[in-house]
PDB file of N, CA and C in Angstrom:
ATOM      1  N   UNK A   1      -9.617  16.346 233.233  1.00  0.00           N
ATOM      2  CA  UNK A   1      -8.436  16.795 234.314  1.00  0.00           C
ATOM      3  C   UNK A   1      -8.371  18.481 234.004  1.00  0.00           C
ATOM      4  N   UNK A   2      -8.406  19.294 234.758  1.00  0.00           N
ATOM      5  CA  UNK A   2      -8.047  20.474 234.876  1.00  0.00           C
ATOM      6  C   UNK A   2      -6.975  20.838 234.744  1.00  0.00           C
ATOM      7  N   UNK A   3      -6.625  21.611 233.847  1.00  0.00           N
ATOM      8  CA  UNK A   3      -5.223  22.118 233.915  1.00  0.00           C
ATOM      9  C   UNK A   3      -4.912  23.434 235.022  1.00  0.00           C
ATOM     10  N   UNK A   4      -3.774  23.314 235.638  1.00  0.00           N
ATOM     11  CA  UNK A   4      -3.400  24.202 236.588  1.00  0.00           C
ATOM     12  C   UNK A   4      -2.878  25.501 236.055  1.00  0.00           C
ATOM     13  N   UNK A   5      -3.440  26.547 236.860  1.00  0.00           N
ATOM     14  CA  UNK A   5      -3.007  27.736 236.510  1.00  0.00           C
ATOM     15  C   UNK A   5      -1.724  28.100 237.411  1.00  0.00           C
ATOM     16  N   UNK A   6      -1.090  29.492 236.952  1.00  0.00           N
ATOM     17  CA  UNK A   6       0.108  29.542 237.440  1.00  0.00           C
ATOM     18  C   UNK A   6      -0.017  29.746 239.078  1.00  0.00           C
ATOM     19  N   UNK A   7       0.943  29.149 239.669  1.00  0.00           N
ATOM     20  CA  UNK A   7       0.908  28.996 241.245  1.00  0.00           C
ATOM     21  C   UNK A   7       1.912  29.760 241.703  1.00  0.00           C
ATOM     22  N   UNK A   8       1.675  30.319 242.789  1.00  0.00           N
ATOM     23  CA  UNK A   8       2.989  30.918 243.643  1.00  0.00           C
ATOM     24  C   UNK A   8       3.415  30.110 244.464  1.00  0.00           C
ATOM     25  N   UNK A   9       4.798  30.361 244.807  1.00  0.00           N
ATOM     26  CA  UNK A   9       5.326  29.666 246.099  1.00  0.00           C
ATOM     27  C   UNK A   9       6.253  30.348 246.362  1.00  0.00           C
ATOM     28  N   UNK A  10       6.908  30.359 247.802  1.00  0.00           N
ATOM     29  CA  UNK A  10       7.936  30.859 248.286  1.00  0.00           C
ATOM     30  C   UNK A  10       9.085  30.850 247.569  1.00  0.00           C
ATOM     31  N   UNK A  11       9.741  32.063 247.552  1.00  0.00           N
ATOM     32  CA  UNK A  11      10.720  32.287 246.481  1.00  0.00           C
ATOM     33  C   UNK A  11      12.001  31.411 246.202  1.00  0.00           C
ATOM     34  N   UNK A  12      12.548  30.915 247.228  1.00  0.00           N
ATOM     35  CA  UNK A  12      13.412  29.941 247.684  1.00  0.00           C
ATOM     36  C   UNK A  12      12.892  28.630 246.974  1.00  0.00           C
ATOM     37  N   UNK A  13      13.771  28.078 245.717  1.00  0.00           N
ATOM     38  CA  UNK A  13      13.374  27.042 245.075  1.00  0.00           C
ATOM     39  C   UNK A  13      14.145  25.792 245.858  1.00  0.00           C
ATOM     40  N   UNK A  14      14.989  26.200 246.911  1.00  0.00           N
ATOM     41  CA  UNK A  14      15.881  24.940 247.567  1.00  0.00           C
ATOM     42  C   UNK A  14      15.075  24.573 248.913  1.00  0.00           C
ATOM     43  N   UNK A  15      13.877  25.376 249.294  1.00  0.00           N
ATOM     44  CA  UNK A  15      13.412  25.137 250.552  1.00  0.00           C
ATOM     45  C   UNK A  15      12.965  23.576 250.791  1.00  0.00           C
ATOM     46  N   UNK A  16      13.571  22.905 251.745  1.00  0.00           N
ATOM     47  CA  UNK A  16      12.843  21.606 251.861  1.00  0.00           C
ATOM     48  C   UNK A  16      11.840  21.461 252.486  1.00  0.00           C
ATOM     49  N   UNK A  17      11.111  20.377 251.970  1.00  0.00           N
ATOM     50  CA  UNK A  17       9.861  19.939 252.593  1.00  0.00           C
ATOM     51  C   UNK A  17       9.891  18.443 252.845  1.00  0.00           C
ATOM     52  N   UNK A  18       8.851  18.035 253.827  1.00  0.00           N
ATOM     53  CA  UNK A  18       8.714  16.647 254.207  1.00  0.00           C
ATOM     54  C   UNK A  18       7.014  16.581 254.034  1.00  0.00           C
ATOM     55  N   UNK A  19       7.170  15.374 253.367  1.00  0.00           N
ATOM     56  CA  UNK A  19       5.594  14.887 253.032  1.00  0.00           C
ATOM     57  C   UNK A  19       5.878  13.218 252.652  1.00  0.00           C
ATOM     58  N   UNK A  20       4.509  12.676 252.806  1.00  0.00           N
ATOM     59  CA  UNK A  20       4.547  11.231 252.459  1.00  0.00           C
ATOM     60  C   UNK A  20       3.206  11.162 251.843  1.00  0.00           C
ATOM     61  N   UNK A  21       3.223   9.918 250.963  1.00  0.00           N
ATOM     62  CA  UNK A  21       2.197   9.870 250.182  1.00  0.00           C
ATOM     63  C   UNK A  21       1.266   8.716 250.963  1.00  0.00           C
ATOM     64  N   UNK A  22      -0.128   9.000 250.995  1.00  0.00           N
ATOM     65  CA  UNK A  22      -1.021   8.518 251.846  1.00  0.00           C
ATOM     66  C   UNK A  22      -0.917   6.751 251.745  1.00  0.00           C
ATOM     67  N   UNK A  23      -0.792   6.345 250.610  1.00  0.00           N
ATOM     68  CA  UNK A  23      -0.816   4.902 250.404  1.00  0.00           C
ATOM     69  C   UNK A  23       0.637   4.326 250.959  1.00  0.00           C
ATOM     70  N   UNK A  24       1.689   5.235 251.212  1.00  0.00           N
ATOM     71  CA  UNK A  24       2.838   4.890 251.568  1.00  0.00           C
ATOM     72  C   UNK A  24       2.582   4.557 253.078  1.00  0.00           C
ATOM     73  N   UNK A  25       1.909   5.780 253.756  1.00  0.00           N
ATOM     74  CA  UNK A  25       1.501   5.534 255.151  1.00  0.00           C
ATOM     75  C   UNK A  25       0.704   4.281 255.574  1.00  0.00           C
ATOM     76  N   UNK A  26      -0.277   4.350 254.649  1.00  0.00           N
ATOM     77  CA  UNK A  26      -1.286   3.066 255.180  1.00  0.00           C
ATOM     78  C   UNK A  26      -0.602   1.937 254.993  1.00  0.00           C
ATOM     79  N   UNK A  27       0.156   1.677 254.130  1.00  0.00           N
ATOM     80  CA  UNK A  27       1.034   0.083 253.839  1.00  0.00           C
ATOM     81  C   UNK A  27       2.158   0.202 254.986  1.00  0.00           C
ATOM     82  N   UNK A  28       2.426   1.226 255.550  1.00  0.00           N
ATOM     83  CA  UNK A  28       3.447   1.083 256.988  1.00  0.00           C
ATOM     84  C   UNK A  28       2.472   0.875 257.994  1.00  0.00           C
ATOM     85  N   UNK A  29       1.420   1.405 258.044  1.00  0.00           N
ATOM     86  CA  UNK A  29       0.261   1.288 259.239  1.00  0.00           C
ATOM     87  C   UNK A  29       0.293  -0.315 259.270  1.00  0.00           C
ATOM     88  N   UNK A  30      -0.186  -0.717 258.384  1.00  0.00           N
ATOM     89  CA  UNK A  30      -0.514  -2.119 258.156  1.00  0.00           C
ATOM     90  C   UNK A  30       0.139  -3.300 258.364  1.00  0.00           C
ATOM     91  N   UNK A  31       1.409  -2.958 257.641  1.00  0.00           N
ATOM     92  CA  UNK A  31       2.842  -3.802 258.266  1.00  0.00           C
ATOM     93  C   UNK A  31       3.011  -3.497 259.679  1.00  0.00           C
ATOM     94  N   UNK A  32       3.094  -2.732 260.059  1.00  0.00           N
ATOM     95  CA  UNK A  32       3.470  -2.419 261.561  1.00  0.00           C
ATOM     96  C   UNK A  32       2.552  -3.114 262.519  1.00  0.00           C
ATOM     97  N   UNK A  33       1.075  -3.041 262.092  1.00  0.00           N
ATOM     98  CA  UNK A  33      -0.076  -3.754 262.954  1.00  0.00           C
ATOM     99  C   UNK A  33       0.442  -5.483 262.843  1.00  0.00           C
ATOM    100  N   UNK A  34       0.612  -6.069 261.509  1.00  0.00           N
ATOM    101  CA  UNK A  34       0.755  -7.302 261.191  1.00  0.00           C
ATOM    102  C   UNK A  34       1.770  -7.498 261.943  1.00  0.00           C
ATOM    103  N   UNK A  35       2.973  -6.968 262.281  1.00  0.00           N
ATOM    104  CA  UNK A  35       4.276  -7.373 263.010  1.00  0.00           C
ATOM    105  C   UNK A  35       3.876  -6.627 264.550  1.00  0.00           C
ATOM    106  N   UNK A  36       2.775  -6.565 264.702  1.00  0.00           N
ATOM    107  CA  UNK A  36       2.490  -6.416 266.139  1.00  0.00           C
ATOM    108  C   UNK A  36       3.633  -5.281 266.620  1.00  0.00           C
ATOM    109  N   UNK A  37       4.032  -4.436 266.031  1.00  0.00           N
ATOM    110  CA  UNK A  37       4.848  -3.280 266.514  1.00  0.00           C
ATOM    111  C   UNK A  37       4.051  -2.357 266.996  1.00  0.00           C
ATOM    112  N   UNK A  38       4.542  -1.663 268.037  1.00  0.00           N
ATOM    113  CA  UNK A  38       4.197  -0.426 268.769  1.00  0.00           C
ATOM    114  C   UNK A  38       5.180   0.687 269.007  1.00  0.00           C
ATOM    115  N   UNK A  39       4.656   1.903 269.529  1.00  0.00           N
ATOM    116  CA  UNK A  39       5.571   2.736 270.052  1.00  0.00           C
ATOM    117  C   UNK A  39       5.292   4.083 269.331  1.00  0.00           C
ATOM    118  N   UNK A  40       6.581   5.253 269.529  1.00  0.00           N
ATOM    119  CA  UNK A  40       6.119   6.391 269.211  1.00  0.00           C
ATOM    120  C   UNK A  40       7.011   6.595 267.742  1.00  0.00           C
ATOM    121  N   UNK A  41       6.433   7.045 266.566  1.00  0.00           N
ATOM    122  CA  UNK A  41       7.125   7.052 265.196  1.00  0.00           C
ATOM    123  C   UNK A  41       6.747   8.463 264.509  1.00  0.00           C
ATOM    124  N   UNK A  42       7.843   8.931 263.852  1.00  0.00           N
ATOM    125  CA  UNK A  42       7.510  10.063 263.019  1.00  0.00           C
ATOM    126  C   UNK A  42       7.471   9.301 261.657  1.00  0.00           C
ATOM    127  N   UNK A  43       6.431   9.235 260.891  1.00  0.00           N
ATOM    128  CA  UNK A  43       6.420   8.620 259.701  1.00  0.00           C
ATOM    129  C   UNK A  43       6.038   9.852 258.508  1.00  0.00           C
ATOM    130  N   UNK A  44       6.921  10.172 257.914  1.00  0.00           N
ATOM    131  CA  UNK A  44       7.088  11.234 257.021  1.00  0.00           C
ATOM    132  C   UNK A  44       8.171  10.910 256.153  1.00  0.00           C
ATOM    133  N   UNK A  45       8.428  11.746 254.944  1.00  0.00           N
ATOM    134  CA  UNK A  45       9.560  11.663 254.291  1.00  0.00           C
ATOM    135  C   UNK A  45      10.676  11.697 254.812  1.00  0.00           C
ATOM    136  N   UNK A  46      11.780  11.656 254.227  1.00  0.00           N
ATOM    137  CA  UNK A  46      13.031  12.126 255.049  1.00  0.00           C
ATOM    138  C   UNK A  46      13.301  13.500 254.882  1.00  0.00           C
ATOM    139  N   UNK A  47      13.922  14.042 255.947  1.00  0.00           N
ATOM    140  CA  UNK A  47      14.072  15.461 255.763  1.00  0.00           C
ATOM    141  C   UNK A  47      15.430  16.054 255.061  1.00  0.00           C
ATOM    142  N   UNK A  48      15.657  17.174 254.697  1.00  0.00           N
ATOM    143  CA  UNK A  48      16.557  17.621 253.898  1.00  0.00           C
ATOM    144  C   UNK A  48      16.976  16.818 252.599  1.00  0.00           C
ATOM    145  N   UNK A  49      15.841  16.301 251.873  1.00  0.00           N
ATOM    146  CA  UNK A  49      15.802  15.484 250.782  1.00  0.00           C
ATOM    147  C   UNK A  49      15.297  16.135 249.557  1.00  0.00           C
ATOM    148  N   UNK A  50      14.092  16.453 249.690  1.00  0.00           N
ATOM    149  CA  UNK A  50      13.143  16.902 248.619  1.00  0.00           C
ATOM    150  C   UNK A  50      12.621  18.359 248.903  1.00  0.00           C
ATOM    151  N   UNK A  51      13.071  19.120 247.938  1.00  0.00           N
ATOM    152  CA  UNK A  51      12.801  20.648 248.050  1.00  0.00           C
ATOM    153  C   UNK A  51      11.310  21.007 247.302  1.00  0.00           C
ATOM    154  N   UNK A  52      10.839  22.126 247.658  1.00  0.00           N
ATOM    155  CA  UNK A  52       9.437  22.447 247.090  1.00  0.00           C
ATOM    156  C   UNK A  52       9.437  22.355 245.605  1.00  0.00           C
ATOM    157  N   UNK A  53      10.367  22.703 245.103  1.00  0.00           N
ATOM    158  CA  UNK A  53      10.690  22.622 243.583  1.00  0.00           C
ATOM    159  C   UNK A  53      10.660  21.399 243.208  1.00  0.00           C
ATOM    160  N   UNK A  54      11.000  20.581 243.934  1.00  0.00           N
ATOM    161  CA  UNK A  54      11.186  18.882 243.430  1.00  0.00           C
ATOM    162  C   UNK A  54       9.542  18.372 243.510  1.00  0.00           C
ATOM    163  N   UNK A  55       8.909  18.761 244.777  1.00  0.00           N
ATOM    164  CA  UNK A  55       7.619  18.327 245.047  1.00  0.00           C
ATOM    165  C   UNK A  55       6.764  18.950 243.917  1.00  0.00           C
ATOM    166  N   UNK A  56       6.752  20.257 243.537  1.00  0.00           N
ATOM    167  CA  UNK A  56       5.955  20.960 242.586  1.00  0.00           C
ATOM    168  C   UNK A  56       5.953  20.444 241.180  1.00  0.00           C
ATOM    169  N   UNK A  57       7.267  19.917 240.928  1.00  0.00           N
ATOM    170  CA  UNK A  57       7.642  19.515 239.561  1.00  0.00           C
ATOM    171  C   UNK A  57       7.078  18.205 239.513  1.00  0.00           C
ATOM    172  N   UNK A  58       7.302  17.400 240.575  1.00  0.00           N
ATOM    173  CA  UNK A  58       6.629  16.069 240.710  1.00  0.00           C
ATOM    174  C   UNK A  58       5.041  16.006 240.164  1.00  0.00           C
ATOM    175  N   UNK A  59       4.492  16.869 241.151  1.00  0.00           N
ATOM    176  CA  UNK A  59       3.024  16.997 240.883  1.00  0.00           C
ATOM    177  C   UNK A  59       2.589  17.538 239.452  1.00  0.00           C
ATOM    178  N   UNK A  60       3.249  18.510 238.853  1.00  0.00           N
ATOM    179  CA  UNK A  60       3.032  18.898 237.626  1.00  0.00           C
ATOM    180  C   UNK A  60       3.072  17.957 236.585  1.00  0.00           C
ATOM    181  N   UNK A  61       4.306  16.878 236.672  1.00  0.00           N
ATOM    182  CA  UNK A  61       4.382  15.617 235.985  1.00  0.00           C
ATOM    183  C   UNK A  61       3.208  14.500 235.779  1.00  0.00           C
ATOM    184  N   UNK A  62       3.244  14.408 237.345  1.00  0.00           N
ATOM    185  CA  UNK A  62       2.173  13.234 237.454  1.00  0.00           C
ATOM    186  C   UNK A  62       0.647  13.618 237.119  1.00  0.00           C
ATOM    187  N   UNK A  63       0.421  14.817 237.107  1.00  0.00           N
ATOM    188  CA  UNK A  63      -0.891  15.102 236.965  1.00  0.00           C
ATOM    189  C   UNK A  63      -0.992  15.381 235.052  1.00  0.00           C
ATOM    190  N   UNK A  64       0.174  15.520 234.399  1.00  0.00           N
ATOM    191  CA  UNK A  64       0.164  15.872 233.247  1.00  0.00           C
ATOM    192  C   UNK A  64      -0.245  17.396 232.992  1.00  0.00           C
ATOM    193  N   UNK A  65      -0.071  18.333 233.870  1.00  0.00           N
ATOM    194  CA  UNK A  65      -0.212  19.905 233.944  1.00  0.00           C
ATOM    195  C   UNK A  65       0.446  20.514 233.295  1.00  0.00           C
ATOM    196  N   UNK A  66       0.113  21.649 232.714  1.00  0.00           N
ATOM    197  CA  UNK A  66       1.071  22.775 232.137  1.00  0.00           C
ATOM    198  C   UNK A  66       1.274  23.716 233.061  1.00  0.00           C
ATOM    199  N   UNK A  67       1.135  23.784 234.369  1.00  0.00           N
ATOM    200  CA  UNK A  67       1.282  24.840 235.022  1.00  0.00           C
ATOM    201  C   UNK A  67       2.510  25.861 235.214  1.00  0.00           C
ATOM    202  N   UNK A  68       2.738  26.746 235.404  1.00  0.00           N
ATOM    203  CA  UNK A  68       4.031  27.270 235.641  1.00  0.00           C
ATOM    204  C   UNK A  68       4.137  27.866 236.864  1.00  0.00           C
ATOM    205  N   UNK A  69       5.065  28.028 237.384  1.00  0.00           N
ATOM    206  CA  UNK A  69       5.417  28.556 238.960  1.00  0.00           C
ATOM    207  C   UNK A  69       6.044  29.812 238.826  1.00  0.00           C
ATOM    208  N   UNK A  70       5.650  30.405 239.786  1.00  0.00           N
ATOM    209  CA  UNK A  70       6.330  31.673 239.980  1.00  0.00           C
ATOM    210  C   UNK A  70       6.878  31.770 241.365  1.00  0.00           C
ATOM    211  N   UNK A  71       8.209  32.047 241.597  1.00  0.00           N
ATOM    212  CA  UNK A  71       8.801  31.875 242.997  1.00  0.00           C
ATOM    213  C   UNK A  71       8.679  33.366 243.624  1.00  0.00           C
ATOM    214  N   UNK A  72       7.943  33.556 244.276  1.00  0.00           N
ATOM    215  CA  UNK A  72       7.648  35.068 245.045  1.00  0.00           C
ATOM    216  C   UNK A  72       8.354  35.143 246.430  1.00  0.00           C
ATOM    217  N   UNK A  73       8.939  36.262 246.735  1.00  0.00           N
ATOM    218  CA  UNK A  73       9.340  36.502 247.605  1.00  0.00           C
ATOM    219  C   UNK A  73       8.374  36.420 248.797  1.00  0.00           C
ATOM    220  N   UNK A  74       8.884  35.961 250.176  1.00  0.00           N
ATOM    221  CA  UNK A  74       8.209  35.604 251.465  1.00  0.00           C
ATOM    222  C   UNK A  74       7.418  36.829 251.969  1.00  0.00           C
ATOM    223  N   UNK A  75       8.072  37.973 251.912  1.00  0.00           N
ATOM    224  CA  UNK A  75       7.252  39.318 252.282  1.00  0.00           C
ATOM    225  C   UNK A  75       6.372  39.404 251.314  1.00  0.00           C
ATOM    226  N   UNK A  76       6.507  39.582 250.199  1.00  0.00           N
ATOM    227  CA  UNK A  76       5.262  39.788 249.127  1.00  0.00           C
ATOM    228  C   UNK A  76       3.925  38.751 249.421  1.00  0.00           C
ATOM    229  N   UNK A  77       4.460  37.519 249.548  1.00  0.00           N
ATOM    230  CA  UNK A  77       3.174  36.562 249.842  1.00  0.00           C
ATOM    231  C   UNK A  77       2.545  37.057 251.206  1.00  0.00           C
ATOM    232  N   UNK A  78       3.181  37.257 252.336  1.00  0.00           N
ATOM    233  CA  UNK A  78       2.606  37.779 253.464  1.00  0.00           C
ATOM    234  C   UNK A  78       1.943  39.276 253.449  1.00  0.00           C
ATOM    235  N   UNK A  79       2.333  39.920 252.683  1.00  0.00           N
ATOM    236  CA  UNK A  79       1.682  41.220 252.612  1.00  0.00           C
ATOM    237  C   UNK A  79       0.236  40.882 251.810  1.00  0.00           C
ATOM    238  N   UNK A  80       0.367  40.058 250.786  1.00  0.00           N
ATOM    239  CA  UNK A  80      -0.694  39.578 249.948  1.00  0.00           C
ATOM    240  C   UNK A  80      -1.788  38.825 251.024  1.00  0.00           C
ATOM    241  N   UNK A  81      -1.416  38.311 252.120  1.00  0.00           N
ATOM    242  CA  UNK A  81      -2.305  37.749 253.103  1.00  0.00           C
ATOM    243  C   UNK A  81      -2.199  36.231 252.735  1.00  0.00           C
ATOM    244  N   UNK A  82      -1.293  35.754 252.107  1.00  0.00           N
ATOM    245  CA  UNK A  82      -1.424  34.607 251.477  1.00  0.00           C
ATOM    246  C   UNK A  82      -1.072  33.537 252.716  1.00  0.00           C
ATOM    247  N   UNK A  83      -2.057  32.541 252.933  1.00  0.00           N
ATOM    248  CA  UNK A  83      -1.860  32.068 254.424  1.00  0.00           C
ATOM    249  C   UNK A  83      -1.096  30.785 253.920  1.00  0.00           C
ATOM    250  N   UNK A  84      -0.182  30.567 255.111  1.00  0.00           N
ATOM    251  CA  UNK A  84       0.822  29.552 254.867  1.00  0.00           C
ATOM    252  C   UNK A  84       0.010  28.132 255.108  1.00  0.00           C
ATOM    253  N   UNK A  85       0.421  27.211 254.586  1.00  0.00           N
ATOM    254  CA  UNK A  85       0.051  25.768 254.716  1.00  0.00           C
ATOM    255  C   UNK A  85      -1.425  25.401 254.425  1.00  0.00           C
ATOM    256  N   UNK A  86      -2.190  26.520 254.523  1.00  0.00           N
ATOM    257  CA  UNK A  86      -3.971  26.224 254.256  1.00  0.00           C
ATOM    258  C   UNK A  86      -3.940  26.977 252.544  1.00  0.00           C
ATOM    259  N   UNK A  87      -3.311  28.022 252.427  1.00  0.00           N
ATOM    260  CA  UNK A  87      -3.643  28.865 250.961  1.00  0.00           C
ATOM    261  C   UNK A  87      -2.315  28.178 250.082  1.00  0.00           C
ATOM    262  N   UNK A  88      -1.230  27.601 250.562  1.00  0.00           N
ATOM    263  CA  UNK A  88      -0.284  27.210 250.065  1.00  0.00           C
ATOM    264  C   UNK A  88       0.459  25.802 250.686  1.00  0.00           C
ATOM    265  N   UNK A  89      -0.043  24.845 250.362  1.00  0.00           N
ATOM    266  CA  UNK A  89       0.483  23.376 251.087  1.00  0.00           C
ATOM    267  C   UNK A  89       1.868  23.230 251.126  1.00  0.00           C
ATOM    268  N   UNK A  90       2.502  22.788 252.408  1.00  0.00           N
ATOM    269  CA  UNK A  90       3.764  22.699 252.584  1.00  0.00           C
ATOM    270  C   UNK A  90       4.408  24.163 252.826  1.00  0.00           C
ATOM    271  N   UNK A  91       4.084  25.154 252.875  1.00  0.00           N
ATOM    272  CA  UNK A  91       4.587  26.380 252.907  1.00  0.00           C
ATOM    273  C   UNK A  91       4.375  27.136 254.185  1.00  0.00           C
ATOM    274  N   UNK A  92       5.670  27.177 254.727  1.00  0.00           N
ATOM    275  CA  UNK A  92       5.495  27.813 256.127  1.00  0.00           C
ATOM    276  C   UNK A  92       6.781  28.997 256.219  1.00  0.00           C
ATOM    277  N   UNK A  93       6.437  30.160 256.383  1.00  0.00           N
ATOM    278  CA  UNK A  93       7.197  31.260 256.219  1.00  0.00           C
ATOM    279  C   UNK A  93       8.658  31.076 257.131  1.00  0.00           C
ATOM    280  N   UNK A  94       9.640  31.096 256.533  1.00  0.00           N
ATOM    281  CA  UNK A  94      11.105  30.821 257.466  1.00  0.00           C
ATOM    282  C   UNK A  94      11.188  32.089 258.568  1.00  0.00           C
ATOM    283  N   UNK A  95      10.540  33.373 258.325  1.00  0.00           N
ATOM    284  CA  UNK A  95      10.555  34.576 259.139  1.00  0.00           C
ATOM    285  C   UNK A  95       9.660  34.209 260.608  1.00  0.00           C
ATOM    286  N   UNK A  96       9.000  33.089 260.547  1.00  0.00           N
ATOM    287  CA  UNK A  96       8.216  32.786 261.861  1.00  0.00           C
ATOM    288  C   UNK A  96       8.979  31.838 262.834  1.00  0.00           C
ATOM    289  N   UNK A  97       9.467  32.228 263.827  1.00  0.00           N
ATOM    290  CA  UNK A  97      10.351  31.106 264.622  1.00  0.00           C
ATOM    291  C   UNK A  97       9.686  29.945 265.001  1.00  0.00           C
ATOM    292  N   UNK A  98       8.183  30.031 265.323  1.00  0.00           N
ATOM    293  CA  UNK A  98       7.943  28.928 265.764  1.00  0.00           C
ATOM    294  C   UNK A  98       7.763  27.853 264.664  1.00  0.00           C
ATOM    295  N   UNK A  99       7.970  27.971 263.732  1.00  0.00           N
ATOM    296  CA  UNK A  99       7.731  26.715 262.524  1.00  0.00           C
ATOM    297  C   UNK A  99       9.226  26.594 262.045  1.00  0.00           C
ATOM    298  N   UNK A 100       9.910  27.166 262.241  1.00  0.00           N
ATOM    299  CA  UNK A 100      11.475  26.728 262.122  1.00  0.00           C
ATOM    300  C   UNK A 100      11.870  25.217 262.411  1.00  0.00           C
ATOM    301  N   UNK A 101      12.243  24.651 261.376  1.00  0.00           N
ATOM    302  CA  UNK A 101      12.590  23.337 261.917  1.00  0.00           C
ATOM    303  C   UNK A 101      11.398  22.195 261.582  1.00  0.00           C
ATOM    304  N   UNK A 102      10.182  22.659 261.170  1.00  0.00           N
ATOM    305  CA  UNK A 102       9.098  21.737 261.177  1.00  0.00           C
ATOM    306  C   UNK A 102       9.231  20.794 259.887  1.00  0.00           C
ATOM    307  N   UNK A 103       9.956  21.171 259.005  1.00  0.00           N
ATOM    308  CA  UNK A 103      10.184  20.308 258.143  1.00  0.00           C
ATOM    309  C   UNK A 103      11.416  19.382 258.085  1.00  0.00           C
ATOM    310  N   UNK A 104      11.965  19.134 259.144  1.00  0.00           N
ATOM    311  CA  UNK A 104      13.320  18.853 259.411  1.00  0.00           C
ATOM    312  C   UNK A 104      13.168  17.659 260.423  1.00  0.00           C
ATOM    313  N   UNK A 105      12.150  17.070 260.733  1.00  0.00           N
ATOM    314  CA  UNK A 105      11.673  16.051 261.784  1.00  0.00           C
ATOM    315  C   UNK A 105      12.679  14.564 261.404  1.00  0.00           C
ATOM    316  N   UNK A 106      13.324  13.816 262.177  1.00  0.00           N
ATOM    317  CA  UNK A 106      13.644  12.577 262.108  1.00  0.00           C
ATOM    318  C   UNK A 106      12.807  11.657 261.815  1.00  0.00           C
ATOM    319  N   UNK A 107      12.854  10.712 260.748  1.00  0.00           N
ATOM    320  CA  UNK A 107      11.693   9.574 260.633  1.00  0.00           C
ATOM    321  C   UNK A 107      12.982   8.412 260.422  1.00  0.00           C
ATOM    322  N   UNK A 108      14.078   8.452 261.302  1.00  0.00           N
ATOM    323  CA  UNK A 108      15.100   7.189 261.038  1.00  0.00           C
ATOM    324  C   UNK A 108      14.603   5.871 261.641  1.00  0.00           C
ATOM    325  N   UNK A 109      13.788   6.022 262.669  1.00  0.00           N
ATOM    326  CA  UNK A 109      12.959   5.107 263.365  1.00  0.00           C
ATOM    327  C   UNK A 109      12.118   4.421 262.517  1.00  0.00           C
ATOM    328  N   UNK A 110      11.116   5.046 262.099  1.00  0.00           N
ATOM    329  CA  UNK A 110      10.146   4.683 261.068  1.00  0.00           C
ATOM    330  C   UNK A 110      10.752   3.878 259.641  1.00  0.00           C
ATOM    331  N   UNK A 111      11.746   4.425 259.079  1.00  0.00           N
ATOM    332  CA  UNK A 111      12.559   3.949 258.129  1.00  0.00           C
ATOM    333  C   UNK A 111      13.200   2.616 258.647  1.00  0.00           C
ATOM    334  N   UNK A 112      13.654   2.647 259.917  1.00  0.00           N
ATOM    335  CA  UNK A 112      14.540   1.537 260.273  1.00  0.00           C
ATOM    336  C   UNK A 112      13.356   0.398 260.563  1.00  0.00           C
ATOM    337  N   UNK A 113      12.176   0.690 260.980  1.00  0.00           N
ATOM    338  CA  UNK A 113      11.122  -0.678 261.003  1.00  0.00           C
ATOM    339  C   UNK A 113      10.519  -1.012 259.621  1.00  0.00           C
ATOM    340  N   UNK A 114       9.574  -0.510 258.998  1.00  0.00           N
ATOM    341  CA  UNK A 114       9.377  -0.833 257.714  1.00  0.00           C
ATOM    342  C   UNK A 114       8.805  -0.166 257.063  1.00  0.00           C
ATOM    343  N   UNK A 115       8.918   1.166 256.939  1.00  0.00           N
ATOM    344  CA  UNK A 115       8.567   2.402 255.839  1.00  0.00           C
ATOM    345  C   UNK A 115       9.188   2.561 255.002  1.00  0.00           C
ATOM    346  N   UNK A 116       8.621   2.701 253.679  1.00  0.00           N
ATOM    347  CA  UNK A 116       9.469   2.622 252.715  1.00  0.00           C
ATOM    348  C   UNK A 116       8.111   3.811 251.708  1.00  0.00           C
ATOM    349  N   UNK A 117       9.086   4.757 250.961  1.00  0.00           N
ATOM    350  CA  UNK A 117       8.179   5.487 250.371  1.00  0.00           C
ATOM    351  C   UNK A 117       8.397   5.217 248.590  1.00  0.00           C
ATOM    352  N   UNK A 118       7.416   5.523 247.820  1.00  0.00           N
ATOM    353  CA  UNK A 118       7.197   5.205 246.346  1.00  0.00           C
ATOM    354  C   UNK A 118       7.847   6.542 245.310  1.00  0.00           C
ATOM    355  N   UNK A 119       7.222   7.873 245.965  1.00  0.00           N
ATOM    356  CA  UNK A 119       7.103   8.838 245.011  1.00  0.00           C
ATOM    357  C   UNK A 119       8.443   9.611 244.723  1.00  0.00           C
ATOM    358  N   UNK A 120       9.112   9.904 245.586  1.00  0.00           N
ATOM    359  CA  UNK A 120      10.443  10.229 245.597  1.00  0.00           C
ATOM    360  C   UNK A 120      11.626   9.277 245.861  1.00  0.00           C
ATOM    361  N   UNK A 121      12.266   8.876 244.599  1.00  0.00           N
ATOM    362  CA  UNK A 121      13.098   7.880 244.972  1.00  0.00           C
ATOM    363  C   UNK A 121      14.291   8.411 246.079  1.00  0.00           C
ATOM    364  N   UNK A 122      14.658   9.494 246.443  1.00  0.00           N
ATOM    365  CA  UNK A 122      15.646   9.912 247.120  1.00  0.00           C
ATOM    366  C   UNK A 122      15.269   9.996 248.624  1.00  0.00           C
ATOM    367  N   UNK A 123      14.115   9.954 248.644  1.00  0.00           N
ATOM    368  CA  UNK A 123      13.507   9.536 250.009  1.00  0.00           C
ATOM    369  C   UNK A 123      13.789   8.266 250.729  1.00  0.00           C
ATOM    370  N   UNK A 124      13.964   7.153 249.780  1.00  0.00           N
ATOM    371  CA  UNK A 124      14.228   6.030 250.499  1.00  0.00           C
ATOM    372  C   UNK A 124      15.519   5.716 250.462  1.00  0.00           C
ATOM    373  N   UNK A 125      16.494   6.613 249.692  1.00  0.00           N
ATOM    374  CA  UNK A 125      17.922   6.316 249.934  1.00  0.00           C
ATOM    375  C   UNK A 125      18.320   7.327 251.341  1.00  0.00           C
ATOM    376  N   UNK A 126      18.769   6.815 252.009  1.00  0.00           N
ATOM    377  CA  UNK A 126      19.259   7.132 253.390  1.00  0.00           C
ATOM    378  C   UNK A 126      20.773   7.016 253.773  1.00  0.00           C
TER     379      UNK A 126
END
C-alpha cells in the first residue's frame, strides 16, 4: 500500500458531500430487482450528514494512510487550475452557481425502499 502524500481540499471542513459505496449501491440494485420494484430513485448518501473532512478522515483511516490534509481557499485552488471533481473528487466550488445544491439531493425514496449504507453510520440515521 502506498502512503498518501499531503492532499489539498477546499478550505471549509464543514462542506457537505454525498457519496455512496459501490457495494451498497449494488446491494440495493439487487434487492430492488428481487422485489420487482421500479421507478425513479436518487440512490446516494443522505444530504447534510457527511462533511468533506469526515469523508477524507474515513478514507485515511480505512487505508491506514499517514496522509495530512491542507484546507486551501477556493480562490487559491481555482487560481492554481485545480479542476473540481476530476482533480479533487467530491469537490465543487461554491462560487459556481450551476453546481450549488449538487450535494443536497433527497434520497428519501431510496432509503424508504431498501437502501442502506455501511461506511458512515450517520448516513443510515435519518
